[in-house]
Amino acid sequence: MSDFLREVSDSSFENDVLKSGKPVLVDFWAEWCAPCRMLAPTVEAVAEHYGENASVVKLNVDDNPSTAQRYGIKGIPTLILFRDGKEVERVVGATSKESITRMIEKYVAVKA
């Protein structure tokens, strides 16, 4: 993990994601998932890009099954963007940095 990206768990999800004062992108992933590993550098770059304006976190679905079940995660990677404690966007499968950025841009203002 980098300075911009951190892990969340079933026990920390509510505080770290749902009660956050800024948008939070959650990467639902697992160690064994090849597309998840391919997407990891992209998620890392997005986390670095948004820095203070949005949070980007990872949740390992194998280690945290109750949160994955709560949000109906059927396939991974799944990226869900939360704002004000509610899911506002979802992407299932590997995607581009541009696609993730467009999703987040709707909910955050980034200073150039």
N, C-alpha and C. Protein backbone atom coordinates (compact mmCIF):
# COMPACT_ATOMS: atom_id res chain seq x y z
N MET A 1 0.84 -1.19 0.00
CA MET A 1 0.00 0.00 0.00
C MET A 1 0.88 1.25 0.00
N SER A 2 0.32 2.30 -0.54
CA SER A 2 1.07 3.55 -0.60
C SER A 2 0.55 4.51 0.47
N ASP A 3 1.07 5.72 0.44
CA ASP A 3 0.60 6.76 1.35
C ASP A 3 -0.82 7.20 1.00
N PHE A 4 -1.23 6.96 -0.23
CA PHE A 4 -2.52 7.45 -0.71
C PHE A 4 -3.62 6.39 -0.64
N LEU A 5 -3.24 5.14 -0.47
CA LEU A 5 -4.16 4.02 -0.55
C LEU A 5 -4.06 3.22 0.73
N ARG A 6 -5.21 2.85 1.31
CA ARG A 6 -5.14 2.03 2.51
C ARG A 6 -6.20 0.95 2.49
N GLU A 7 -6.00 -0.05 3.34
CA GLU A 7 -6.94 -1.15 3.46
C GLU A 7 -8.03 -0.78 4.44
N VAL A 8 -9.24 -1.22 4.18
CA VAL A 8 -10.32 -1.14 5.15
C VAL A 8 -10.82 -2.55 5.40
N SER A 9 -11.57 -2.72 6.47
CA SER A 9 -12.06 -4.04 6.84
C SER A 9 -13.55 -3.95 7.19
N ASP A 10 -14.14 -5.11 7.46
CA ASP A 10 -15.54 -5.12 7.90
C ASP A 10 -15.72 -4.20 9.09
N SER A 11 -14.77 -4.24 10.03
CA SER A 11 -14.92 -3.46 11.26
C SER A 11 -14.65 -1.97 11.07
N SER A 12 -13.85 -1.58 10.09
CA SER A 12 -13.53 -0.16 9.89
C SER A 12 -14.35 0.49 8.78
N PHE A 13 -15.12 -0.30 8.03
CA PHE A 13 -15.80 0.19 6.84
C PHE A 13 -16.73 1.38 7.14
N GLU A 14 -17.52 1.26 8.19
CA GLU A 14 -18.47 2.33 8.48
C GLU A 14 -17.76 3.65 8.74
N ASN A 15 -16.75 3.64 9.61
CA ASN A 15 -16.02 4.88 9.91
C ASN A 15 -15.22 5.38 8.73
N ASP A 16 -14.47 4.49 8.06
CA ASP A 16 -13.57 4.91 6.99
C ASP A 16 -14.28 5.27 5.70
N VAL A 17 -15.43 4.66 5.44
CA VAL A 17 -16.11 4.87 4.16
C VAL A 17 -17.44 5.61 4.34
N LEU A 18 -18.34 5.03 5.09
CA LEU A 18 -19.69 5.58 5.17
C LEU A 18 -19.76 6.90 5.92
N LYS A 19 -18.88 7.11 6.88
CA LYS A 19 -18.90 8.36 7.65
C LYS A 19 -17.86 9.37 7.17
N SER A 20 -17.21 9.09 6.05
CA SER A 20 -16.20 9.99 5.51
C SER A 20 -16.85 11.29 5.04
N GLY A 21 -16.14 12.39 5.22
CA GLY A 21 -16.63 13.68 4.77
C GLY A 21 -16.36 13.95 3.30
N LYS A 22 -15.69 13.04 2.64
CA LYS A 22 -15.39 13.21 1.22
C LYS A 22 -15.73 11.92 0.48
N PRO A 23 -15.82 11.98 -0.85
CA PRO A 23 -16.11 10.75 -1.60
C PRO A 23 -15.04 9.69 -1.35
N VAL A 24 -15.46 8.42 -1.33
CA VAL A 24 -14.54 7.31 -1.10
C VAL A 24 -14.77 6.27 -2.18
N LEU A 25 -13.70 5.94 -2.89
CA LEU A 25 -13.73 4.86 -3.88
C LEU A 25 -13.22 3.61 -3.20
N VAL A 26 -14.03 2.55 -3.21
CA VAL A 26 -13.65 1.28 -2.59
C VAL A 26 -13.37 0.27 -3.68
N ASP A 27 -12.17 -0.30 -3.64
CA ASP A 27 -11.76 -1.36 -4.55
C ASP A 27 -11.96 -2.70 -3.84
N PHE A 28 -13.00 -3.44 -4.24
CA PHE A 28 -13.25 -4.78 -3.70
C PHE A 28 -12.39 -5.74 -4.52
N TRP A 29 -11.50 -6.48 -3.86
CA TRP A 29 -10.50 -7.29 -4.56
C TRP A 29 -10.15 -8.53 -3.75
N ALA A 30 -9.29 -9.39 -4.33
CA ALA A 30 -8.73 -10.55 -3.62
C ALA A 30 -7.35 -10.85 -4.19
N GLU A 31 -6.51 -11.47 -3.36
CA GLU A 31 -5.13 -11.80 -3.75
C GLU A 31 -5.06 -12.64 -5.02
N TRP A 32 -5.95 -13.63 -5.15
CA TRP A 32 -5.90 -14.60 -6.24
C TRP A 32 -6.46 -14.06 -7.56
N CYS A 33 -7.02 -12.86 -7.54
CA CYS A 33 -7.71 -12.30 -8.70
C CYS A 33 -6.73 -11.57 -9.63
N ALA A 34 -6.48 -12.17 -10.80
CA ALA A 34 -5.54 -11.57 -11.76
C ALA A 34 -6.00 -10.19 -12.24
N PRO A 35 -7.28 -10.00 -12.62
CA PRO A 35 -7.72 -8.66 -13.03
C PRO A 35 -7.57 -7.63 -11.91
N CYS A 36 -7.74 -8.08 -10.66
CA CYS A 36 -7.55 -7.17 -9.51
C CYS A 36 -6.10 -6.70 -9.45
N ARG A 37 -5.18 -7.63 -9.66
CA ARG A 37 -3.75 -7.28 -9.63
C ARG A 37 -3.41 -6.36 -10.79
N MET A 38 -4.03 -6.59 -11.94
CA MET A 38 -3.79 -5.72 -13.10
C MET A 38 -4.32 -4.31 -12.85
N LEU A 39 -5.43 -4.21 -12.13
CA LEU A 39 -6.06 -2.92 -11.88
C LEU A 39 -5.36 -2.14 -10.76
N ALA A 40 -4.61 -2.83 -9.91
CA ALA A 40 -4.00 -2.21 -8.72
C ALA A 40 -3.18 -0.96 -9.03
N PRO A 41 -2.29 -0.96 -10.03
CA PRO A 41 -1.52 0.27 -10.31
C PRO A 41 -2.42 1.44 -10.74
N THR A 42 -3.50 1.14 -11.43
CA THR A 42 -4.45 2.18 -11.86
C THR A 42 -5.14 2.78 -10.64
N VAL A 43 -5.59 1.91 -9.73
CA VAL A 43 -6.24 2.38 -8.51
C VAL A 43 -5.27 3.23 -7.69
N GLU A 44 -4.04 2.78 -7.63
CA GLU A 44 -2.99 3.52 -6.92
C GLU A 44 -2.80 4.92 -7.53
N ALA A 45 -2.76 5.00 -8.86
CA ALA A 45 -2.58 6.28 -9.54
C ALA A 45 -3.76 7.21 -9.29
N VAL A 46 -4.96 6.66 -9.28
CA VAL A 46 -6.16 7.46 -9.00
C VAL A 46 -6.10 7.99 -7.57
N ALA A 47 -5.69 7.13 -6.64
CA ALA A 47 -5.57 7.54 -5.23
C ALA A 47 -4.59 8.70 -5.08
N GLU A 48 -3.47 8.60 -5.77
CA GLU A 48 -2.46 9.66 -5.71
C GLU A 48 -2.99 10.95 -6.34
N HIS A 49 -3.70 10.83 -7.45
CA HIS A 49 -4.23 11.99 -8.16
C HIS A 49 -5.22 12.78 -7.30
N TYR A 50 -6.09 12.08 -6.59
CA TYR A 50 -7.13 12.76 -5.82
C TYR A 50 -6.70 13.16 -4.43
N GLY A 51 -5.65 12.55 -3.92
CA GLY A 51 -5.06 12.95 -2.65
C GLY A 51 -6.03 13.35 -1.57
N GLU A 52 -6.14 14.66 -1.33
CA GLU A 52 -6.97 15.19 -0.25
C GLU A 52 -8.45 15.31 -0.61
N ASN A 53 -8.77 15.25 -1.90
CA ASN A 53 -10.15 15.52 -2.34
C ASN A 53 -11.08 14.31 -2.29
N ALA A 54 -10.49 13.13 -2.31
CA ALA A 54 -11.27 11.89 -2.24
C ALA A 54 -10.37 10.81 -1.66
N SER A 55 -10.98 9.84 -1.02
CA SER A 55 -10.21 8.72 -0.48
C SER A 55 -10.36 7.52 -1.40
N VAL A 56 -9.31 6.73 -1.49
CA VAL A 56 -9.36 5.48 -2.23
C VAL A 56 -8.87 4.39 -1.28
N VAL A 57 -9.71 3.36 -1.10
CA VAL A 57 -9.39 2.29 -0.17
C VAL A 57 -9.60 0.94 -0.84
N LYS A 58 -8.99 -0.08 -0.28
CA LYS A 58 -9.13 -1.44 -0.80
C LYS A 58 -9.75 -2.31 0.29
N LEU A 59 -10.65 -3.20 -0.13
CA LEU A 59 -11.26 -4.14 0.79
C LEU A 59 -11.10 -5.55 0.21
N ASN A 60 -10.36 -6.39 0.92
CA ASN A 60 -10.14 -7.77 0.49
C ASN A 60 -11.41 -8.56 0.80
N VAL A 61 -12.07 -9.07 -0.25
CA VAL A 61 -13.35 -9.75 -0.07
C VAL A 61 -13.21 -11.09 0.66
N ASP A 62 -12.05 -11.72 0.55
CA ASP A 62 -11.84 -12.98 1.26
C ASP A 62 -11.73 -12.76 2.77
N ASP A 63 -11.09 -11.67 3.16
CA ASP A 63 -10.88 -11.36 4.57
C ASP A 63 -12.07 -10.63 5.20
N ASN A 64 -12.92 -10.05 4.36
CA ASN A 64 -14.03 -9.21 4.85
C ASN A 64 -15.34 -9.57 4.13
N PRO A 65 -15.82 -10.79 4.32
CA PRO A 65 -16.98 -11.25 3.55
C PRO A 65 -18.29 -10.53 3.87
N SER A 66 -18.46 -10.01 5.08
CA SER A 66 -19.77 -9.42 5.39
C SER A 66 -20.00 -8.12 4.63
N THR A 67 -18.95 -7.29 4.47
CA THR A 67 -19.12 -6.05 3.70
C THR A 67 -19.33 -6.38 2.22
N ALA A 68 -18.58 -7.34 1.70
CA ALA A 68 -18.75 -7.75 0.30
C ALA A 68 -20.18 -8.26 0.07
N GLN A 69 -20.68 -9.04 1.00
CA GLN A 69 -22.04 -9.57 0.88
C GLN A 69 -23.07 -8.44 0.98
N ARG A 70 -22.85 -7.52 1.90
CA ARG A 70 -23.77 -6.40 2.11
C ARG A 70 -23.98 -5.59 0.84
N TYR A 71 -22.91 -5.45 0.04
CA TYR A 71 -23.00 -4.66 -1.20
C TYR A 71 -23.16 -5.54 -2.44
N GLY A 72 -23.45 -6.81 -2.24
CA GLY A 72 -23.77 -7.70 -3.36
C GLY A 72 -22.63 -7.88 -4.34
N ILE A 73 -21.41 -7.98 -3.83
CA ILE A 73 -20.26 -8.15 -4.71
C ILE A 73 -20.28 -9.57 -5.26
N LYS A 74 -20.50 -9.69 -6.56
CA LYS A 74 -20.58 -10.99 -7.23
C LYS A 74 -19.32 -11.29 -8.02
N GLY A 75 -18.70 -10.25 -8.55
CA GLY A 75 -17.48 -10.39 -9.34
C GLY A 75 -16.47 -9.35 -8.90
N ILE A 76 -15.21 -9.70 -9.02
CA ILE A 76 -14.17 -8.74 -8.67
C ILE A 76 -13.19 -8.63 -9.83
N PRO A 77 -12.53 -7.50 -9.98
CA PRO A 77 -12.64 -6.32 -9.12
C PRO A 77 -13.98 -5.60 -9.31
N THR A 78 -14.47 -5.03 -8.23
CA THR A 78 -15.62 -4.13 -8.26
C THR A 78 -15.18 -2.84 -7.57
N LEU A 79 -15.43 -1.74 -8.23
CA LEU A 79 -15.15 -0.42 -7.65
C LEU A 79 -16.48 0.25 -7.35
N ILE A 80 -16.65 0.68 -6.10
CA ILE A 80 -17.87 1.39 -5.72
C ILE A 80 -17.46 2.74 -5.15
N LEU A 81 -18.10 3.78 -5.65
CA LEU A 81 -17.86 5.13 -5.14
C LEU A 81 -18.99 5.49 -4.17
N PHE A 82 -18.59 5.86 -2.96
CA PHE A 82 -19.54 6.26 -1.93
C PHE A 82 -19.43 7.76 -1.69
N ARG A 83 -20.57 8.38 -1.47
CA ARG A 83 -20.60 9.80 -1.09
C ARG A 83 -21.70 9.98 -0.07
N ASP A 84 -21.38 10.63 1.02
CA ASP A 84 -22.34 10.85 2.11
C ASP A 84 -22.95 9.53 2.59
N GLY A 85 -22.13 8.48 2.63
CA GLY A 85 -22.58 7.19 3.15
C GLY A 85 -23.41 6.35 2.22
N LYS A 86 -23.55 6.79 0.97
CA LYS A 86 -24.37 6.06 0.01
C LYS A 86 -23.57 5.71 -1.24
N GLU A 87 -23.90 4.56 -1.82
CA GLU A 87 -23.29 4.17 -3.09
C GLU A 87 -23.84 5.08 -4.19
N VAL A 88 -22.92 5.69 -4.97
CA VAL A 88 -23.36 6.57 -6.05
C VAL A 88 -22.94 6.08 -7.43
N GLU A 89 -21.89 5.26 -7.49
CA GLU A 89 -21.41 4.71 -8.76
C GLU A 89 -20.82 3.33 -8.51
N ARG A 90 -20.87 2.47 -9.54
CA ARG A 90 -20.28 1.13 -9.42
C ARG A 90 -19.76 0.70 -10.78
N VAL A 91 -18.57 0.09 -10.78
CA VAL A 91 -17.98 -0.49 -11.98
C VAL A 91 -17.51 -1.89 -11.61
N VAL A 92 -17.92 -2.89 -12.41
CA VAL A 92 -17.47 -4.26 -12.18
C VAL A 92 -16.51 -4.64 -13.29
N GLY A 93 -15.36 -5.19 -12.90
CA GLY A 93 -14.35 -5.61 -13.86
C GLY A 93 -13.26 -4.57 -14.01
N ALA A 94 -12.18 -4.99 -14.64
CA ALA A 94 -11.05 -4.08 -14.86
C ALA A 94 -11.51 -2.96 -15.78
N THR A 95 -11.05 -1.76 -15.49
CA THR A 95 -11.45 -0.59 -16.26
C THR A 95 -10.26 0.35 -16.39
N SER A 96 -10.44 1.41 -17.14
CA SER A 96 -9.33 2.34 -17.38
C SER A 96 -9.28 3.43 -16.30
N LYS A 97 -8.11 4.05 -16.21
CA LYS A 97 -7.95 5.18 -15.30
C LYS A 97 -8.90 6.30 -15.69
N GLU A 98 -9.08 6.51 -16.98
CA GLU A 98 -9.96 7.57 -17.47
C GLU A 98 -11.40 7.32 -17.02
N SER A 99 -11.83 6.08 -17.09
CA SER A 99 -13.19 5.73 -16.68
C SER A 99 -13.39 5.97 -15.18
N ILE A 100 -12.41 5.59 -14.38
CA ILE A 100 -12.49 5.79 -12.94
C ILE A 100 -12.48 7.29 -12.62
N THR A 101 -11.63 8.03 -13.32
CA THR A 101 -11.52 9.47 -13.11
C THR A 101 -12.83 10.17 -13.44
N ARG A 102 -13.46 9.79 -14.55
CA ARG A 102 -14.75 10.39 -14.93
C ARG A 102 -15.80 10.13 -13.86
N MET A 103 -15.78 8.94 -13.31
CA MET A 103 -16.74 8.57 -12.27
C MET A 103 -16.57 9.47 -11.05
N ILE A 104 -15.32 9.66 -10.61
CA ILE A 104 -15.04 10.45 -9.41
C ILE A 104 -15.28 11.94 -9.66
N GLU A 105 -14.95 12.41 -10.86
CA GLU A 105 -15.06 13.85 -11.17
C GLU A 105 -16.47 14.39 -10.93
N LYS A 106 -17.46 13.55 -11.08
CA LYS A 106 -18.85 14.01 -10.88
C LYS A 106 -19.10 14.42 -9.43
N TYR A 107 -18.28 13.92 -8.52
CA TYR A 107 -18.56 14.10 -7.09
C TYR A 107 -17.50 14.88 -6.33
N VAL A 108 -16.44 15.31 -7.02
CA VAL A 108 -15.36 15.99 -6.33
C VAL A 108 -14.80 17.10 -7.21
N ALA A 109 -14.37 18.17 -6.59
CA ALA A 109 -13.69 19.24 -7.32
C ALA A 109 -12.21 19.14 -7.03
N VAL A 110 -11.43 18.98 -8.08
CA VAL A 110 -9.97 18.86 -7.92
C VAL A 110 -9.33 20.17 -8.30
N LYS A 111 -8.44 20.65 -7.46
CA LYS A 111 -7.69 21.86 -7.78
C LYS A 111 -6.56 21.49 -8.73
N ALA A 112 -6.43 22.24 -9.78
CA ALA A 112 -5.40 21.94 -10.80
C ALA A 112 -4.01 22.24 -10.28
